């Protein structure tokens, strides 16, 4: 059913822009987590290495590939008034998942595997048109 989702983003370029913005935010989070992973283990005052915790924080989640991104306040090329509608469409079409983490984090979002397929399909089409 990916054709229906591709049709959505082709008819509504703002949907594609929002998906791309969330993908970019996820990529940045993943890069930050990789950079944090490459740092040496922290050392306590006693000189012993601190054990790493396996909590459900955004950083550890991004290492597992399941990062949740806080709602983007704006996306270049998308009117602020239209952004809520776009979020709703992407959620309705199963391209964006949302969750209410807690009061401080608010609503967080995650691209679905279908969204990644749509982004790949659009990227491949753009590359073939450019050639």
N, C-alpha and C. Protein backbone atom coordinates (compact mmCIF):
# COMPACT_ATOMS: atom_id res chain seq x y z
N UNK A 1 0.82 -1.19 0.00
CA UNK A 1 0.00 0.00 0.00
C UNK A 1 0.86 1.25 0.00
N UNK A 2 2.12 1.13 -0.25
CA UNK A 2 3.04 2.26 -0.23
C UNK A 2 2.70 3.27 -1.34
N UNK A 3 2.00 2.84 -2.39
CA UNK A 3 1.62 3.75 -3.47
C UNK A 3 0.73 4.87 -2.98
N UNK A 4 -0.17 4.57 -2.06
CA UNK A 4 -1.06 5.58 -1.50
C UNK A 4 -0.27 6.64 -0.74
N UNK A 5 0.73 6.21 0.01
CA UNK A 5 1.56 7.13 0.77
C UNK A 5 2.42 7.99 -0.16
N UNK A 6 2.93 7.38 -1.21
CA UNK A 6 3.73 8.13 -2.19
C UNK A 6 2.85 9.18 -2.87
N UNK A 7 1.62 8.80 -3.17
CA UNK A 7 0.68 9.75 -3.78
C UNK A 7 0.43 10.93 -2.84
N UNK A 8 0.31 10.67 -1.53
CA UNK A 8 0.10 11.74 -0.56
C UNK A 8 1.23 12.76 -0.62
N UNK A 9 2.47 12.29 -0.59
CA UNK A 9 3.58 13.24 -0.56
C UNK A 9 3.78 13.93 -1.90
N UNK A 10 3.38 13.30 -2.99
CA UNK A 10 3.48 13.96 -4.29
C UNK A 10 2.42 15.04 -4.45
N UNK A 11 1.23 14.81 -3.89
CA UNK A 11 0.17 15.80 -3.99
C UNK A 11 0.33 16.91 -2.96
N UNK A 12 1.07 16.64 -1.89
CA UNK A 12 1.27 17.61 -0.82
C UNK A 12 2.76 17.71 -0.52
N UNK A 13 3.48 18.55 -1.24
CA UNK A 13 4.93 18.65 -1.03
C UNK A 13 5.32 18.97 0.41
N UNK A 14 4.43 19.62 1.16
CA UNK A 14 4.72 19.92 2.56
C UNK A 14 4.90 18.64 3.36
N UNK A 15 4.17 17.60 3.00
CA UNK A 15 4.30 16.30 3.69
C UNK A 15 5.70 15.74 3.50
N UNK A 16 6.21 15.83 2.29
CA UNK A 16 7.56 15.34 2.02
C UNK A 16 8.59 16.17 2.77
N UNK A 17 8.41 17.49 2.81
CA UNK A 17 9.34 18.35 3.54
C UNK A 17 9.38 18.01 5.03
N UNK A 18 8.22 17.73 5.61
CA UNK A 18 8.18 17.38 7.03
C UNK A 18 8.84 16.03 7.27
N UNK A 19 8.57 15.05 6.42
CA UNK A 19 9.24 13.75 6.56
C UNK A 19 10.75 13.90 6.47
N UNK A 20 11.20 14.69 5.51
CA UNK A 20 12.64 14.90 5.35
C UNK A 20 13.23 15.61 6.57
N UNK A 21 12.48 16.53 7.15
CA UNK A 21 12.97 17.24 8.34
C UNK A 21 13.10 16.30 9.53
N UNK A 22 12.13 15.40 9.70
CA UNK A 22 12.23 14.43 10.80
C UNK A 22 13.37 13.44 10.54
N UNK A 23 13.58 13.05 9.28
CA UNK A 23 14.69 12.16 8.97
C UNK A 23 16.02 12.85 9.29
N UNK A 24 16.13 14.12 8.95
CA UNK A 24 17.36 14.87 9.24
C UNK A 24 17.57 14.99 10.75
N UNK A 25 16.50 15.23 11.49
CA UNK A 25 16.61 15.32 12.96
C UNK A 25 17.03 13.98 13.54
N UNK A 26 16.50 12.89 13.02
CA UNK A 26 16.88 11.56 13.48
C UNK A 26 18.35 11.29 13.17
N UNK A 27 18.79 11.67 11.97
CA UNK A 27 20.18 11.47 11.58
C UNK A 27 21.13 12.24 12.50
N UNK A 28 20.75 13.48 12.85
CA UNK A 28 21.58 14.28 13.77
C UNK A 28 21.65 13.61 15.13
N UNK A 29 20.52 13.11 15.62
CA UNK A 29 20.49 12.44 16.92
C UNK A 29 21.35 11.18 16.89
N UNK A 30 21.28 10.46 15.80
CA UNK A 30 22.09 9.24 15.68
C UNK A 30 23.58 9.57 15.63
N UNK A 31 23.95 10.65 14.93
CA UNK A 31 25.35 11.07 14.88
C UNK A 31 25.85 11.49 16.26
N UNK A 32 25.00 12.22 17.01
CA UNK A 32 25.38 12.62 18.36
C UNK A 32 25.58 11.40 19.26
N UNK A 33 24.71 10.41 19.10
CA UNK A 33 24.84 9.20 19.91
C UNK A 33 26.10 8.44 19.53
N UNK A 34 26.44 8.41 18.25
CA UNK A 34 27.66 7.75 17.81
C UNK A 34 28.89 8.46 18.36
N UNK A 35 28.84 9.78 18.36
CA UNK A 35 29.96 10.55 18.91
C UNK A 35 30.09 10.28 20.40
N UNK A 36 28.97 10.18 21.09
CA UNK A 36 29.01 9.90 22.53
C UNK A 36 29.52 8.49 22.79
N UNK A 37 29.19 7.55 21.91
CA UNK A 37 29.68 6.17 22.04
C UNK A 37 31.18 6.08 21.87
N UNK A 38 31.74 6.96 21.04
CA UNK A 38 33.17 6.89 20.76
C UNK A 38 34.01 7.53 21.86
N UNK A 39 33.37 8.25 22.79
CA UNK A 39 34.11 8.82 23.91
C UNK A 39 34.51 7.71 24.87
N UNK A 40 35.66 7.86 25.54
CA UNK A 40 36.04 6.84 26.52
C UNK A 40 35.06 6.80 27.68
N UNK A 41 34.96 5.65 28.32
CA UNK A 41 34.07 5.49 29.46
C UNK A 41 34.45 6.48 30.54
N UNK A 42 33.46 7.02 31.21
CA UNK A 42 33.75 7.97 32.28
C UNK A 42 34.38 7.24 33.45
N UNK A 43 35.21 7.96 34.17
CA UNK A 43 35.91 7.38 35.31
C UNK A 43 35.45 8.06 36.57
N UNK A 44 35.10 7.27 37.57
CA UNK A 44 34.63 7.83 38.83
C UNK A 44 35.81 8.34 39.63
N UNK A 45 35.52 8.99 40.76
CA UNK A 45 36.57 9.52 41.63
C UNK A 45 37.49 8.41 42.15
N UNK A 46 36.98 7.19 42.24
CA UNK A 46 37.79 6.09 42.74
C UNK A 46 38.73 5.54 41.67
N UNK A 47 38.61 6.05 40.42
CA UNK A 47 39.47 5.59 39.35
C UNK A 47 38.91 4.40 38.59
N UNK A 48 37.71 3.94 38.94
CA UNK A 48 37.10 2.82 38.25
C UNK A 48 36.13 3.31 37.20
N UNK A 49 35.97 2.53 36.14
CA UNK A 49 35.04 2.91 35.08
C UNK A 49 33.61 2.83 35.59
N UNK A 50 32.84 3.81 35.17
CA UNK A 50 31.41 3.82 35.51
C UNK A 50 30.70 2.87 34.56
N UNK A 51 29.80 2.03 35.04
CA UNK A 51 29.05 1.16 34.13
C UNK A 51 28.08 1.98 33.30
N UNK A 52 27.87 1.52 32.06
CA UNK A 52 26.89 2.19 31.21
C UNK A 52 25.51 1.71 31.59
N UNK A 53 24.57 2.62 31.58
CA UNK A 53 23.20 2.24 31.90
C UNK A 53 22.45 1.98 30.61
N UNK A 54 21.44 1.13 30.70
CA UNK A 54 20.62 0.80 29.53
C UNK A 54 19.22 1.32 29.78
N UNK A 55 19.11 2.63 29.93
CA UNK A 55 17.79 3.21 30.17
C UNK A 55 17.09 3.46 28.86
N UNK A 56 15.87 4.02 28.92
CA UNK A 56 15.08 4.25 27.72
C UNK A 56 15.17 5.71 27.29
N UNK A 57 16.33 6.32 27.49
CA UNK A 57 16.49 7.71 27.10
C UNK A 57 16.53 7.82 25.58
N UNK A 58 16.37 9.05 25.07
CA UNK A 58 16.41 9.25 23.63
C UNK A 58 17.76 8.84 23.07
N UNK A 59 18.85 9.08 23.83
CA UNK A 59 20.17 8.74 23.33
C UNK A 59 20.32 7.24 23.16
N UNK A 60 19.96 6.47 24.17
CA UNK A 60 20.09 5.01 24.04
C UNK A 60 19.10 4.48 23.02
N UNK A 61 17.94 5.10 22.92
CA UNK A 61 16.96 4.67 21.93
C UNK A 61 17.47 4.93 20.52
N UNK A 62 18.17 6.05 20.31
CA UNK A 62 18.67 6.33 18.97
C UNK A 62 19.73 5.33 18.56
N UNK A 63 20.48 4.80 19.53
CA UNK A 63 21.47 3.79 19.21
C UNK A 63 20.79 2.51 18.75
N UNK A 64 19.60 2.26 19.25
CA UNK A 64 18.85 1.06 18.85
C UNK A 64 18.03 1.32 17.59
N UNK A 65 18.02 2.57 17.11
CA UNK A 65 17.29 2.89 15.90
C UNK A 65 15.83 3.24 16.14
N UNK A 66 15.45 3.52 17.38
CA UNK A 66 14.06 3.84 17.69
C UNK A 66 13.96 5.20 18.36
N UNK A 67 14.62 6.18 17.83
CA UNK A 67 14.62 7.50 18.46
C UNK A 67 13.28 8.19 18.29
N UNK A 68 12.90 8.88 19.33
CA UNK A 68 11.72 9.73 19.29
C UNK A 68 12.21 11.17 19.24
N UNK A 69 11.68 11.94 18.33
CA UNK A 69 12.09 13.32 18.12
C UNK A 69 10.98 14.23 18.63
N UNK A 70 11.37 15.25 19.39
CA UNK A 70 10.36 16.21 19.83
C UNK A 70 9.79 16.93 18.60
N UNK A 71 8.57 17.37 18.73
CA UNK A 71 7.88 18.01 17.60
C UNK A 71 8.70 19.17 17.07
N UNK A 72 8.87 19.19 15.76
CA UNK A 72 9.61 20.27 15.13
C UNK A 72 8.76 21.53 15.16
N UNK A 73 9.30 22.63 15.67
CA UNK A 73 8.51 23.86 15.77
C UNK A 73 8.22 24.51 14.43
N UNK A 74 9.03 24.19 13.45
CA UNK A 74 8.83 24.73 12.12
C UNK A 74 9.67 23.95 11.12
N UNK A 75 9.23 23.98 9.88
CA UNK A 75 9.95 23.31 8.80
C UNK A 75 10.04 24.31 7.65
N UNK A 76 11.25 24.50 7.14
CA UNK A 76 11.46 25.41 6.03
C UNK A 76 10.61 24.98 4.84
N UNK A 77 9.84 25.92 4.31
CA UNK A 77 8.99 25.63 3.16
C UNK A 77 7.57 25.24 3.53
N UNK A 78 7.28 25.13 4.84
CA UNK A 78 5.94 24.76 5.30
C UNK A 78 5.43 25.88 6.21
N UNK A 79 4.25 26.41 5.89
CA UNK A 79 3.65 27.44 6.73
C UNK A 79 3.36 26.88 8.11
N UNK A 80 3.59 27.69 9.13
CA UNK A 80 3.33 27.25 10.51
C UNK A 80 1.88 26.82 10.69
N UNK A 81 0.94 27.50 10.02
CA UNK A 81 -0.47 27.15 10.13
C UNK A 81 -0.76 25.78 9.51
N UNK A 82 0.02 25.39 8.53
CA UNK A 82 -0.18 24.13 7.81
C UNK A 82 0.49 22.95 8.52
N UNK A 83 1.45 23.23 9.39
CA UNK A 83 2.26 22.18 10.00
C UNK A 83 1.43 21.18 10.80
N UNK A 84 0.44 21.64 11.56
CA UNK A 84 -0.41 20.72 12.32
C UNK A 84 -1.20 19.81 11.39
N UNK A 85 -1.72 20.36 10.31
CA UNK A 85 -2.46 19.56 9.34
C UNK A 85 -1.55 18.48 8.74
N UNK A 86 -0.32 18.87 8.40
CA UNK A 86 0.63 17.92 7.81
C UNK A 86 0.94 16.80 8.80
N UNK A 87 1.18 17.16 10.07
CA UNK A 87 1.41 16.13 11.08
C UNK A 87 0.22 15.15 11.12
N UNK A 88 -0.98 15.68 11.12
CA UNK A 88 -2.18 14.85 11.16
C UNK A 88 -2.27 13.91 9.96
N UNK A 89 -1.97 14.43 8.77
CA UNK A 89 -2.00 13.60 7.57
C UNK A 89 -0.96 12.49 7.63
N UNK A 90 0.24 12.84 8.08
CA UNK A 90 1.30 11.84 8.15
C UNK A 90 0.98 10.76 9.18
N UNK A 91 0.36 11.15 10.27
CA UNK A 91 -0.06 10.16 11.28
C UNK A 91 -1.19 9.29 10.72
N UNK A 92 -2.16 9.92 10.06
CA UNK A 92 -3.30 9.18 9.50
C UNK A 92 -2.86 8.17 8.44
N UNK A 93 -1.86 8.52 7.66
CA UNK A 93 -1.37 7.63 6.61
C UNK A 93 -0.33 6.63 7.13
N UNK A 94 -0.03 6.68 8.42
CA UNK A 94 0.90 5.73 9.00
C UNK A 94 2.36 5.99 8.69
N UNK A 95 2.67 7.25 8.38
CA UNK A 95 4.05 7.59 8.07
C UNK A 95 4.79 8.18 9.27
N UNK A 96 4.03 8.61 10.25
CA UNK A 96 4.60 9.22 11.44
C UNK A 96 3.86 8.68 12.65
N UNK A 97 4.63 8.22 13.64
CA UNK A 97 4.03 7.77 14.90
C UNK A 97 4.22 8.88 15.91
N UNK A 98 3.28 9.00 16.83
CA UNK A 98 3.42 10.00 17.88
C UNK A 98 3.17 9.34 19.23
N UNK A 99 3.74 9.97 20.25
CA UNK A 99 3.61 9.45 21.61
C UNK A 99 3.71 10.64 22.56
N UNK A 100 2.99 10.55 23.66
CA UNK A 100 3.09 11.58 24.69
C UNK A 100 3.99 11.01 25.79
N UNK A 101 5.23 11.44 25.80
CA UNK A 101 6.22 10.91 26.75
C UNK A 101 5.90 11.33 28.18
N UNK A 102 5.93 12.61 28.41
CA UNK A 102 5.63 13.17 29.72
C UNK A 102 5.36 14.65 29.55
N UNK A 103 5.05 15.31 30.65
CA UNK A 103 4.68 16.72 30.55
C UNK A 103 5.82 17.60 30.05
N UNK A 104 7.05 17.26 30.40
CA UNK A 104 8.17 18.11 30.00
C UNK A 104 8.54 17.90 28.53
N UNK A 105 8.50 16.67 28.05
CA UNK A 105 8.90 16.39 26.67
C UNK A 105 7.77 16.70 25.69
N UNK A 106 6.54 16.57 26.12
CA UNK A 106 5.42 16.79 25.22
C UNK A 106 5.29 15.64 24.23
N UNK A 107 4.74 15.95 23.08
CA UNK A 107 4.53 14.93 22.06
C UNK A 107 5.85 14.71 21.31
N UNK A 108 6.17 13.45 21.11
CA UNK A 108 7.37 13.08 20.36
C UNK A 108 6.94 12.26 19.14
N UNK A 109 7.78 12.29 18.12
CA UNK A 109 7.44 11.66 16.84
C UNK A 109 8.55 10.73 16.39
N UNK A 110 8.15 9.77 15.54
CA UNK A 110 9.07 8.80 14.99
C UNK A 110 8.62 8.43 13.59
N UNK A 111 9.56 8.37 12.66
CA UNK A 111 9.23 7.91 11.31
C UNK A 111 8.93 6.42 11.35
N UNK A 112 7.96 5.99 10.57
CA UNK A 112 7.64 4.57 10.47
C UNK A 112 8.48 3.97 9.34
N UNK A 113 8.56 2.65 9.28
CA UNK A 113 9.27 2.03 8.15
C UNK A 113 8.68 2.43 6.80
N UNK A 114 7.36 2.62 6.75
CA UNK A 114 6.72 3.07 5.50
C UNK A 114 7.20 4.46 5.11
N UNK A 115 7.42 5.33 6.08
CA UNK A 115 7.92 6.67 5.79
C UNK A 115 9.31 6.59 5.18
N UNK A 116 10.12 5.69 5.71
CA UNK A 116 11.47 5.53 5.16
C UNK A 116 11.41 5.00 3.72
N UNK A 117 10.44 4.12 3.44
CA UNK A 117 10.26 3.62 2.07
C UNK A 117 9.84 4.75 1.14
N UNK A 118 8.94 5.61 1.61
CA UNK A 118 8.50 6.75 0.80
C UNK A 118 9.68 7.67 0.52
N UNK A 119 10.47 7.96 1.54
CA UNK A 119 11.64 8.83 1.35
C UNK A 119 12.63 8.21 0.37
N UNK A 120 12.85 6.91 0.48
CA UNK A 120 13.74 6.22 -0.45
C UNK A 120 13.19 6.28 -1.87
N UNK A 121 11.89 6.03 -2.02
CA UNK A 121 11.27 6.05 -3.35
C UNK A 121 11.36 7.44 -3.97
N UNK A 122 11.09 8.45 -3.19
CA UNK A 122 11.15 9.82 -3.70
C UNK A 122 12.58 10.21 -4.04
N UNK A 123 13.52 9.78 -3.22
CA UNK A 123 14.93 10.07 -3.49
C UNK A 123 15.38 9.38 -4.76
N UNK A 124 15.00 8.13 -4.93
CA UNK A 124 15.36 7.39 -6.14
C UNK A 124 14.74 8.01 -7.39
N UNK A 125 13.50 8.47 -7.28
CA UNK A 125 12.84 9.08 -8.43
C UNK A 125 13.51 10.41 -8.78
N UNK A 126 13.86 11.18 -7.76
CA UNK A 126 14.51 12.45 -7.99
C UNK A 126 15.87 12.24 -8.68
N UNK A 127 16.61 11.22 -8.23
CA UNK A 127 17.90 10.92 -8.84
C UNK A 127 17.75 10.48 -10.29
N UNK A 128 16.71 9.68 -10.58
CA UNK A 128 16.52 9.22 -11.97
C UNK A 128 16.08 10.38 -12.86
N UNK A 129 15.32 11.33 -12.32
CA UNK A 129 14.90 12.49 -13.12
C UNK A 129 16.08 13.42 -13.38
N UNK A 130 17.02 13.50 -12.43
CA UNK A 130 18.17 14.37 -12.57
C UNK A 130 19.18 13.82 -13.58
N UNK A 131 19.15 12.53 -13.81
CA UNK A 131 20.13 11.91 -14.73
C UNK A 131 19.78 12.12 -16.18
